[in-house]
Amino acid sequence: SILTTPIDYKEINEYIAKETRCSIEYLKTNICK
């Protein structure tokens, strides 16, 4: 398994959040930047 520090966890969480927003925007507008 991969050991992560709190900072790594935060970065991963932000990445997931960004990807999720991107996916939602894509579904709404078919444009993702």
PDB file of N, CA and C in Angstrom:
ATOM      1  N   SER A   1       0.843  -1.196   0.000  1.00  0.00           N
ATOM      2  CA  SER A   1       0.000   0.000   0.000  1.00  0.00           C
ATOM      3  C   SER A   1       0.876   1.243   0.000  1.00  0.00           C
ATOM      4  N   ILE A   2       0.286   2.354  -0.371  1.00  0.00           N
ATOM      5  CA  ILE A   2       1.033   3.611  -0.424  1.00  0.00           C
ATOM      6  C   ILE A   2       0.778   4.383   0.866  1.00  0.00           C
ATOM      7  N   LEU A   3       1.855   4.760   1.527  1.00  0.00           N
ATOM      8  CA  LEU A   3       1.719   5.583   2.730  1.00  0.00           C
ATOM      9  C   LEU A   3       1.654   7.047   2.316  1.00  0.00           C
ATOM     10  N   THR A   4       0.735   7.780   2.909  1.00  0.00           N
ATOM     11  CA  THR A   4       0.582   9.181   2.552  1.00  0.00           C
ATOM     12  C   THR A   4       0.654  10.052   3.783  1.00  0.00           C
ATOM     13  N   THR A   5       1.182  11.255   3.609  1.00  0.00           N
ATOM     14  CA  THR A   5       1.175  12.248   4.671  1.00  0.00           C
ATOM     15  C   THR A   5      -0.124  13.034   4.565  1.00  0.00           C
ATOM     16  N   PRO A   6      -0.482  13.797   5.593  1.00  0.00           N
ATOM     17  CA  PRO A   6      -1.687  14.624   5.508  1.00  0.00           C
ATOM     18  C   PRO A   6      -1.684  15.522   4.267  1.00  0.00           C
ATOM     19  N   ILE A   7      -0.511  16.060   3.914  1.00  0.00           N
ATOM     20  CA  ILE A   7      -0.429  16.921   2.737  1.00  0.00           C
ATOM     21  C   ILE A   7      -0.759  16.115   1.486  1.00  0.00           C
ATOM     22  N   ASP A   8      -0.209  14.916   1.378  1.00  0.00           N
ATOM     23  CA  ASP A   8      -0.512  14.083   0.221  1.00  0.00           C
ATOM     24  C   ASP A   8      -2.012  13.804   0.149  1.00  0.00           C
ATOM     25  N   TYR A   9      -2.597  13.507   1.294  1.00  0.00           N
ATOM     26  CA  TYR A   9      -4.031  13.212   1.333  1.00  0.00           C
ATOM     27  C   TYR A   9      -4.824  14.422   0.864  1.00  0.00           C
ATOM     28  N   LYS A  10      -4.424  15.603   1.313  1.00  0.00           N
ATOM     29  CA  LYS A  10      -5.115  16.832   0.916  1.00  0.00           C
ATOM     30  C   LYS A  10      -4.992  17.044  -0.589  1.00  0.00           C
ATOM     31  N   GLU A  11      -3.801  16.828  -1.125  1.00  0.00           N
ATOM     32  CA  GLU A  11      -3.598  17.014  -2.560  1.00  0.00           C
ATOM     33  C   GLU A  11      -4.436  16.023  -3.360  1.00  0.00           C
ATOM     34  N   ILE A  12      -4.471  14.775  -2.892  1.00  0.00           N
ATOM     35  CA  ILE A  12      -5.271  13.758  -3.571  1.00  0.00           C
ATOM     36  C   ILE A  12      -6.747  14.138  -3.505  1.00  0.00           C
ATOM     37  N   ASN A  13      -7.185  14.585  -2.323  1.00  0.00           N
ATOM     38  CA  ASN A  13      -8.582  14.978  -2.154  1.00  0.00           C
ATOM     39  C   ASN A  13      -8.948  16.117  -3.093  1.00  0.00           C
ATOM     40  N   GLU A  14      -8.031  17.099  -3.213  1.00  0.00           N
ATOM     41  CA  GLU A  14      -8.289  18.233  -4.098  1.00  0.00           C
ATOM     42  C   GLU A  14      -8.329  17.780  -5.548  1.00  0.00           C
ATOM     43  N   TYR A  15      -7.452  16.826  -5.910  1.00  0.00           N
ATOM     44  CA  TYR A  15      -7.434  16.300  -7.271  1.00  0.00           C
ATOM     45  C   TYR A  15      -8.756  15.615  -7.579  1.00  0.00           C
ATOM     46  N   ILE A  16      -9.234  14.786  -6.646  1.00  0.00           N
ATOM     47  CA  ILE A  16     -10.498  14.086  -6.845  1.00  0.00           C
ATOM     48  C   ILE A  16     -11.639  15.098  -6.964  1.00  0.00           C
ATOM     49  N   ALA A  17     -11.616  16.108  -6.106  1.00  0.00           N
ATOM     50  CA  ALA A  17     -12.663  17.128  -6.143  1.00  0.00           C
ATOM     51  C   ALA A  17     -12.652  17.853  -7.482  1.00  0.00           C
ATOM     52  N   LYS A  18     -11.454  18.185  -7.974  1.00  0.00           N
ATOM     53  CA  LYS A  18     -11.342  18.869  -9.256  1.00  0.00           C
ATOM     54  C   LYS A  18     -11.872  17.987 -10.374  1.00  0.00           C
ATOM     55  N   GLU A  19     -11.474  16.714 -10.378  1.00  0.00           N
ATOM     56  CA  GLU A  19     -11.927  15.794 -11.419  1.00  0.00           C
ATOM     57  C   GLU A  19     -13.438  15.636 -11.378  1.00  0.00           C
ATOM     58  N   THR A  20     -14.002  15.619 -10.156  1.00  0.00           N
ATOM     59  CA  THR A  20     -15.446  15.480 -10.013  1.00  0.00           C
ATOM     60  C   THR A  20     -16.162  16.691 -10.580  1.00  0.00           C
ATOM     61  N   ARG A  21     -15.677  17.887 -10.236  1.00  0.00           N
ATOM     62  CA  ARG A  21     -16.279  19.107 -10.779  1.00  0.00           C
ATOM     63  C   ARG A  21     -16.156  19.122 -12.288  1.00  0.00           C
ATOM     64  N   CYS A  22     -14.995  18.715 -12.790  1.00  0.00           N
ATOM     65  CA  CYS A  22     -14.748  18.683 -14.216  1.00  0.00           C
ATOM     66  C   CYS A  22     -15.758  17.753 -14.889  1.00  0.00           C
ATOM     67  N   SER A  23     -15.985  16.591 -14.301  1.00  0.00           N
ATOM     68  CA  SER A  23     -16.922  15.635 -14.878  1.00  0.00           C
ATOM     69  C   SER A  23     -18.335  16.206 -14.891  1.00  0.00           C
ATOM     70  N   ILE A  24     -18.718  16.880 -13.811  1.00  0.00           N
ATOM     71  CA  ILE A  24     -20.053  17.475 -13.734  1.00  0.00           C
ATOM     72  C   ILE A  24     -20.190  18.553 -14.804  1.00  0.00           C
ATOM     73  N   GLU A  25     -19.164  19.396 -14.941  1.00  0.00           N
ATOM     74  CA  GLU A  25     -19.202  20.450 -15.951  1.00  0.00           C
ATOM     75  C   GLU A  25     -19.259  19.845 -17.345  1.00  0.00           C
ATOM     76  N   TYR A  26     -18.547  18.749 -17.543  1.00  0.00           N
ATOM     77  CA  TYR A  26     -18.566  18.096 -18.854  1.00  0.00           C
ATOM     78  C   TYR A  26     -19.965  17.592 -19.171  1.00  0.00           C
ATOM     79  N   LEU A  27     -20.606  17.005 -18.182  1.00  0.00           N
ATOM     80  CA  LEU A  27     -21.963  16.500 -18.392  1.00  0.00           C
ATOM     81  C   LEU A  27     -22.925  17.646 -18.698  1.00  0.00           C
ATOM     82  N   LYS A  28     -22.669  18.816 -18.110  1.00  0.00           N
ATOM     83  CA  LYS A  28     -23.564  19.951 -18.310  1.00  0.00           C
ATOM     84  C   LYS A  28     -23.305  20.644 -19.642  1.00  0.00           C
ATOM     85  N   THR A  29     -22.029  20.768 -20.019  1.00  0.00           N
ATOM     86  CA  THR A  29     -21.681  21.659 -21.118  1.00  0.00           C
ATOM     87  C   THR A  29     -20.856  21.001 -22.213  1.00  0.00           C
ATOM     88  N   ASN A  30     -20.370  19.773 -21.959  1.00  0.00           N
ATOM     89  CA  ASN A  30     -19.483  19.089 -22.886  1.00  0.00           C
ATOM     90  C   ASN A  30     -18.160  19.827 -23.071  1.00  0.00           C
ATOM     91  N   ILE A  31     -17.872  20.756 -22.174  1.00  0.00           N
ATOM     92  CA  ILE A  31     -16.597  21.463 -22.210  1.00  0.00           C
ATOM     93  C   ILE A  31     -15.931  21.302 -20.860  1.00  0.00           C
ATOM     94  N   CYS A  32     -14.671  20.917 -20.882  1.00  0.00           N
ATOM     95  CA  CYS A  32     -13.946  20.749 -19.633  1.00  0.00           C
ATOM     96  C   CYS A  32     -12.561  21.331 -19.794  1.00  0.00           C
ATOM     97  N   LYS A  33     -12.266  22.369 -19.026  1.00  0.00           N
ATOM     98  CA  LYS A  33     -10.948  23.001 -19.117  1.00  0.00           C
ATOM     99  C   LYS A  33     -10.227  22.846 -17.795  1.00  0.00           C
TER     100      LYS A  33
END
